Amino acid sequence: MTPQHLKDIISSGLLSFPITDFDAEGNFNARSYAERLDWLAPYGATALFAAGGTGEFFSLAGSEYGQVIKTAVDTCRGRVPIIAGAGGPTRQAIAYAQQAERLGAHGILLLPHYLTEASPEGIAAHVEAVCKSVKFGVIVYNRAVCRLNAATLAPLAERCPNLVGFKDGIGDIELMVSIRQAMGDRFAYLGGLPTAEVYAAAYKALGVPVYSSAVFNFVPKMALDFYRAVAADDRATQSRLLDEFFLPYLAIRNRKPGYAVSIIKAGATLVGHPGGPVRTPLTDLTGEEHEMLRALIDRLGPQ
């Protein structure tokens, strides 16, 4: 897949991050992960991110990363494009990106380099090094310590033709508007704030109509219904689902740091597609919180 083809694919439709399956001992469970992808693929997501943020990329061992990407690529071949998560320090991110390319992924989502702050120039050099290490398309995730602005992105885009996507996980409207105005159609733009549905209508108005849905992992029908409502400017459906599901869902998610991932794994378990526990330093939902989430899922009806 060429970088331009990847850009075309991620310019419309709903994207999602499948969770990564672990067994009772916390080891990667390839069989269960493949079954999950088999279940989700027919629902019609435009692309799936393997080993992304909701897939606990940050807690995977280097030896596991290739197993996750290979399982996703092999399982979804000919059905759904797979975009691999890659990140960490520059040399590690390059190694992951090159491995994902060898294994047949269609591109990478370049996640933040973690922990240390860096100048815009340093971050740009990091992104450029990763882009130039591969031939397929790269999407940069503006989030946490990876914060690029329009002045940095413009020359970076000139130097890196395979940098085709920009995903925002910061939520700085002024920054997003300045980037969208400066870069125009140079990038495909993705909404990437946790529980992106809450921000979807506002981001669409900014010229960012595409987002990735974490709840697609356990309520895929509703996730697609909400996306279609945003695409059609159906405010009534959006308002109903925000009130009935997303706002009470956020009340559970916001109880503890890290629950943005934990609650997705809990939801998958509740709908009969368990993916095992999260890995430390994350913690799983309590029994009480499981029951609160179950009530929200039951209210939606069959998925």
Protein backbone atom coordinates (compact mmCIF):
# COMPACT_ATOMS: atom_id res chain seq x y z
CA MET A 1 0.00 0.00 0.00
CA THR A 2 1.40 3.37 -0.99
CA PRO A 3 1.38 6.30 1.45
CA GLN A 4 -1.23 8.04 -0.73
CA HIS A 5 -3.45 4.97 -0.60
CA LEU A 6 -3.21 4.94 3.19
CA LYS A 7 -4.10 8.63 3.26
CA ASP A 8 -7.15 7.97 1.12
CA ILE A 9 -8.28 5.14 3.39
CA ILE A 10 -8.03 7.09 6.64
CA SER A 11 -9.71 10.18 5.19
CA SER A 12 -13.19 8.75 5.74
CA GLY A 13 -15.01 6.18 7.84
CA LEU A 14 -14.57 4.99 11.40
CA LEU A 15 -11.24 3.71 12.72
CA SER A 16 -10.65 1.63 15.83
CA PHE A 17 -7.98 0.21 18.16
CA PRO A 18 -8.58 -3.44 19.05
CA ILE A 19 -7.45 -4.41 22.53
CA THR A 20 -4.54 -6.85 22.78
CA ASP A 21 -5.51 -10.19 24.29
CA PHE A 22 -3.65 -11.63 27.27
CA ASP A 23 -4.18 -14.98 28.96
CA ALA A 24 -4.70 -15.52 32.69
CA GLU A 25 -0.93 -15.28 33.25
CA GLY A 26 -0.77 -12.02 31.32
CA ASN A 27 0.93 -13.44 28.21
CA PHE A 28 -0.09 -12.50 24.67
CA ASN A 29 -2.90 -14.77 23.48
CA ALA A 30 -2.66 -14.92 19.68
CA ARG A 31 -5.65 -17.25 19.26
CA SER A 32 -8.00 -15.04 21.24
CA TYR A 33 -6.68 -11.93 19.49
CA ALA A 34 -7.33 -13.46 16.06
CA GLU A 35 -10.84 -14.40 17.13
CA ARG A 36 -11.42 -10.81 18.24
CA LEU A 37 -10.32 -9.45 14.88
CA ASP A 38 -12.50 -12.00 13.09
CA TRP A 39 -15.46 -10.72 15.12
CA LEU A 40 -14.77 -7.01 14.56
CA ALA A 41 -13.68 -7.06 10.90
CA PRO A 42 -17.15 -7.50 9.32
CA TYR A 43 -18.61 -4.47 11.11
CA GLY A 44 -17.00 -2.14 8.60
CA ALA A 45 -14.28 -0.10 10.29
CA THR A 46 -12.14 1.62 7.66
CA ALA A 47 -8.92 0.42 9.31
CA LEU A 48 -7.80 -1.15 12.57
CA PHE A 49 -4.77 -0.12 14.64
CA ALA A 50 -2.83 -3.12 15.97
CA ALA A 51 -0.76 -2.57 19.11
CA GLY A 52 -2.13 0.93 19.51
CA GLY A 53 -2.83 2.82 22.71
CA THR A 54 -5.96 0.83 23.57
CA GLY A 55 -3.94 -2.23 22.53
CA GLU A 56 -1.48 -1.48 25.37
CA PHE A 57 1.49 -0.84 23.08
CA PHE A 58 3.21 0.79 26.04
CA SER A 59 3.22 -2.48 28.00
CA LEU A 60 4.24 -4.91 25.25
CA ALA A 61 7.66 -6.52 25.27
CA GLY A 62 9.73 -6.11 22.13
CA SER A 63 9.47 -9.85 21.47
CA GLU A 64 5.65 -9.64 21.57
CA TYR A 65 5.24 -6.70 19.22
CA GLY A 66 5.89 -8.67 16.04
CA GLN A 67 3.52 -11.42 17.17
CA VAL A 68 0.70 -8.92 17.62
CA ILE A 69 1.27 -7.25 14.24
CA LYS A 70 1.68 -10.54 12.36
CA THR A 71 -1.50 -11.97 13.89
CA ALA A 72 -3.44 -8.85 12.94
CA VAL A 73 -2.10 -8.73 9.38
CA ASP A 74 -2.64 -12.44 8.75
CA THR A 75 -6.13 -12.44 10.24
CA CYS A 76 -7.39 -9.32 8.44
CA ARG A 77 -5.64 -9.79 5.11
CA GLY A 78 -7.96 -8.75 2.27
CA ARG A 79 -10.63 -7.50 4.69
CA VAL A 80 -9.42 -4.58 6.78
CA PRO A 81 -6.17 -2.59 6.51
CA ILE A 82 -3.93 -2.86 9.57
CA ILE A 83 -2.03 0.15 10.84
CA ALA A 84 0.61 -0.70 13.43
CA GLY A 85 1.38 1.34 16.49
CA ALA A 86 5.04 2.29 16.87
CA GLY A 87 6.74 4.53 19.38
CA GLY A 88 9.29 5.01 22.11
CA PRO A 89 12.80 6.43 21.58
CA THR A 90 13.85 7.02 18.00
CA ARG A 91 15.86 3.85 17.41
CA GLN A 92 13.19 1.71 19.01
CA ALA A 93 10.44 3.40 17.00
CA ILE A 94 12.45 2.82 13.81
CA ALA A 95 12.90 -0.86 14.67
CA TYR A 96 9.16 -1.26 15.29
CA ALA A 97 8.24 0.62 12.12
CA GLN A 98 10.56 -1.47 9.97
CA GLN A 99 9.28 -4.67 11.55
CA ALA A 100 5.67 -3.64 10.92
CA GLU A 101 6.52 -2.92 7.28
CA ARG A 102 8.19 -6.31 6.85
CA LEU A 103 5.18 -8.05 8.38
CA GLY A 104 2.77 -6.45 5.92
CA ALA A 105 1.15 -3.65 7.91
CA HIS A 106 -0.25 -0.86 5.77
CA GLY A 107 1.37 1.98 7.74
CA ILE A 108 2.15 3.08 11.28
CA LEU A 109 0.69 5.38 13.87
CA LEU A 110 3.74 7.00 15.45
CA LEU A 111 2.96 7.24 19.14
CA PRO A 112 4.69 9.70 21.54
CA HIS A 113 8.31 9.05 22.48
CA TYR A 114 7.34 9.02 26.21
CA LEU A 115 8.58 10.62 29.43
CA THR A 116 11.06 13.30 28.45
CA GLU A 117 10.02 16.68 27.11
CA ALA A 118 11.63 17.79 23.87
CA SER A 119 11.73 20.86 21.65
CA PRO A 120 9.56 21.00 18.50
CA GLU A 121 12.78 20.73 16.48
CA GLY A 122 13.82 17.59 18.36
CA ILE A 123 10.40 16.01 17.93
CA ALA A 124 10.44 16.84 14.23
CA ALA A 125 13.86 15.19 13.88
CA HIS A 126 12.48 12.10 15.64
CA VAL A 127 9.46 11.91 13.31
CA GLU A 128 11.64 12.50 10.25
CA ALA A 129 14.03 9.71 11.20
CA VAL A 130 11.15 7.25 11.55
CA CYS A 131 9.53 8.37 8.29
CA LYS A 132 12.77 8.00 6.35
CA SER A 133 13.36 4.51 7.74
CA VAL A 134 10.30 3.08 5.93
CA LYS A 135 8.47 3.40 2.62
CA PHE A 136 4.87 3.05 3.77
CA GLY A 137 2.67 5.78 5.23
CA VAL A 138 3.13 7.35 8.67
CA ILE A 139 0.52 9.04 10.87
CA VAL A 140 1.91 11.16 13.69
CA TYR A 141 -0.01 11.25 16.98
CA ASN A 142 0.11 14.70 18.55
CA ARG A 143 -0.36 13.85 22.20
CA ALA A 144 1.37 14.25 25.57
CA VAL A 145 5.08 15.03 25.06
CA CYS A 146 4.76 14.84 21.25
CA ARG A 147 3.42 18.29 20.42
CA LEU A 148 4.00 19.63 16.92
CA ASN A 149 2.73 22.95 15.57
CA ALA A 150 2.08 24.34 12.11
CA ALA A 151 5.49 26.00 11.83
CA THR A 152 7.22 22.68 12.52
CA LEU A 153 4.88 20.50 10.49
CA ALA A 154 5.18 22.44 7.23
CA PRO A 155 8.90 21.82 6.62
CA LEU A 156 8.59 18.32 8.08
CA ALA A 157 5.91 17.48 5.53
CA GLU A 158 8.20 18.75 2.76
CA ARG A 159 11.01 16.49 3.89
CA CYS A 160 8.80 13.44 4.53
CA PRO A 161 6.34 12.72 1.69
CA ASN A 162 5.21 9.53 3.43
CA LEU A 163 4.01 11.50 6.46
CA VAL A 164 0.36 11.44 5.41
CA GLY A 165 -1.68 11.63 8.63
CA PHE A 166 -2.03 13.88 11.65
CA LYS A 167 -3.91 12.62 14.68
CA ASP A 168 -4.74 15.03 17.49
CA GLY A 169 -4.93 13.84 21.08
CA ILE A 170 -4.31 17.19 22.74
CA GLY A 171 -7.59 19.03 22.28
CA ASP A 172 -6.09 22.49 21.87
CA ILE A 173 -8.61 24.02 19.45
CA GLU A 174 -6.41 26.99 18.56
CA LEU A 175 -3.52 24.68 17.75
CA MET A 176 -5.72 22.35 15.69
CA VAL A 177 -7.24 25.22 13.71
CA SER A 178 -3.82 26.70 12.97
CA ILE A 179 -2.52 23.33 11.73
CA ARG A 180 -5.60 22.64 9.61
CA GLN A 181 -5.46 26.11 8.06
CA ALA A 182 -1.73 25.99 7.37
CA MET A 183 -1.53 22.43 6.05
CA GLY A 184 -4.83 22.21 4.17
CA ASP A 185 -5.27 18.82 2.51
CA ARG A 186 -1.62 17.81 2.90
CA PHE A 187 -2.65 15.43 5.70
CA ALA A 188 -5.56 13.20 6.55
CA TYR A 189 -6.70 14.50 9.94
CA LEU A 190 -7.92 12.23 12.72
CA GLY A 191 -9.54 12.97 16.06
CA GLY A 192 -7.67 11.10 18.76
CA LEU A 193 -8.82 12.34 22.15
CA PRO A 194 -9.83 9.54 24.53
CA THR A 195 -13.51 8.68 23.96
CA ALA A 196 -13.39 10.61 20.69
CA GLU A 197 -17.17 10.48 20.24
CA VAL A 198 -17.59 13.25 22.83
CA TYR A 199 -15.52 15.58 20.63
CA ALA A 200 -16.57 14.24 17.23
CA ALA A 201 -19.09 16.92 16.21
CA ALA A 202 -16.78 19.75 17.27
CA TYR A 203 -13.83 18.25 15.42
CA LYS A 204 -15.90 17.69 12.30
CA ALA A 205 -16.68 21.42 12.32
CA LEU A 206 -12.90 22.06 12.42
CA GLY A 207 -12.39 19.96 9.29
CA VAL A 208 -11.49 16.74 11.11
CA PRO A 209 -14.35 14.35 10.24
CA VAL A 210 -12.59 11.06 11.04
CA TYR A 211 -11.84 9.64 14.47
CA SER A 212 -10.90 6.37 16.14
CA SER A 213 -13.41 4.68 18.41
CA ALA A 214 -12.30 2.64 21.41
CA VAL A 215 -15.85 1.54 22.32
CA PHE A 216 -16.02 -0.18 18.91
CA ASN A 217 -14.26 -2.98 20.81
CA PHE A 218 -17.44 -3.96 22.63
CA VAL A 219 -20.39 -2.01 21.17
CA PRO A 220 -19.44 -1.89 17.47
CA LYS A 221 -22.97 -1.40 16.15
CA MET A 222 -23.58 1.59 18.40
CA ALA A 223 -20.14 3.03 17.59
CA LEU A 224 -20.97 2.93 13.89
CA ASP A 225 -24.45 4.37 14.51
CA PHE A 226 -22.86 7.29 16.33
CA TYR A 227 -20.29 7.84 13.57
CA ARG A 228 -23.03 7.88 10.93
CA ALA A 229 -25.01 10.36 13.03
CA VAL A 230 -21.98 12.66 13.15
CA ALA A 231 -21.41 12.29 9.41
CA ALA A 232 -25.08 13.12 8.72
CA ASP A 233 -25.23 15.97 11.27
CA ASP A 234 -27.96 14.01 13.05
CA ARG A 235 -27.88 15.91 16.32
CA ALA A 236 -30.86 14.07 17.80
CA THR A 237 -29.16 10.66 17.60
CA GLN A 238 -25.87 12.07 18.86
CA SER A 239 -27.60 13.72 21.83
CA ARG A 240 -29.52 10.57 22.71
CA LEU A 241 -26.41 8.36 22.68
CA LEU A 242 -24.36 10.91 24.59
CA ASP A 243 -26.99 11.01 27.32
CA GLU A 244 -27.77 7.28 27.38
CA PHE A 245 -24.26 5.93 27.06
CA PHE A 246 -21.23 8.17 26.62
CA LEU A 247 -21.63 10.63 29.50
CA PRO A 248 -22.36 7.94 32.14
CA TYR A 249 -19.59 5.87 30.56
CA LEU A 250 -17.18 8.78 31.07
CA ALA A 251 -18.21 8.97 34.72
CA ILE A 252 -16.86 5.42 35.15
CA ARG A 253 -13.80 5.94 32.95
CA ASN A 254 -12.74 9.06 34.82
CA ARG A 255 -12.66 7.36 38.22
CA LYS A 256 -9.00 6.35 37.87
CA PRO A 257 -6.08 7.21 35.61
CA GLY A 258 -5.61 4.51 32.98
CA TYR A 259 -9.25 3.48 32.94
CA ALA A 260 -9.51 4.65 29.30
CA VAL A 261 -7.95 1.26 28.47
CA SER A 262 -9.24 -0.76 31.41
CA ILE A 263 -12.88 0.06 30.74
CA ILE A 264 -12.56 -1.14 27.14
CA LYS A 265 -11.22 -4.50 28.29
CA ALA A 266 -14.03 -4.71 30.81
CA GLY A 267 -16.60 -3.99 28.13
CA ALA A 268 -15.17 -6.68 25.86
CA THR A 269 -15.46 -9.19 28.70
CA LEU A 270 -19.06 -8.20 29.40
CA VAL A 271 -20.13 -8.81 25.78
CA GLY A 272 -18.52 -12.25 25.68
CA HIS A 273 -15.18 -11.41 24.04
CA PRO A 274 -12.77 -11.30 26.99
CA GLY A 275 -9.23 -10.13 26.35
CA GLY A 276 -7.75 -10.87 29.73
CA PRO A 277 -6.54 -8.38 32.34
CA VAL A 278 -4.66 -5.16 31.69
CA ARG A 279 -0.99 -5.12 32.53
CA THR A 280 0.49 -3.05 35.31
CA PRO A 281 0.79 -0.15 35.88
CA LEU A 282 -2.86 -0.13 34.72
CA THR A 283 -5.53 -1.60 36.99
CA ASP A 284 -8.76 -3.38 36.09
CA LEU A 285 -12.23 -2.07 36.94
CA THR A 286 -13.73 -3.09 40.28
CA GLY A 287 -16.71 -5.44 40.50
CA GLU A 288 -19.01 -2.51 41.18
CA GLU A 289 -17.73 -0.66 38.13
CA HIS A 290 -18.22 -3.76 35.98
CA GLU A 291 -21.88 -3.81 36.97
CA MET A 292 -22.26 -0.10 36.22
CA LEU A 293 -20.83 -0.69 32.76
CA ARG A 294 -22.99 -3.76 32.24
CA ALA A 295 -26.13 -1.66 32.84
CA LEU A 296 -25.05 0.80 30.13
CA ILE A 297 -24.36 -1.96 27.64
CA ASP A 298 -27.66 -3.70 28.36
CA ARG A 299 -29.51 -0.45 27.72
CA LEU A 300 -28.16 -0.36 24.17
CA GLY A 301 -29.55 -3.77 23.23
CA PRO A 302 -27.94 -6.42 20.99
CA GLN A 303 -24.79 -5.48 19.14
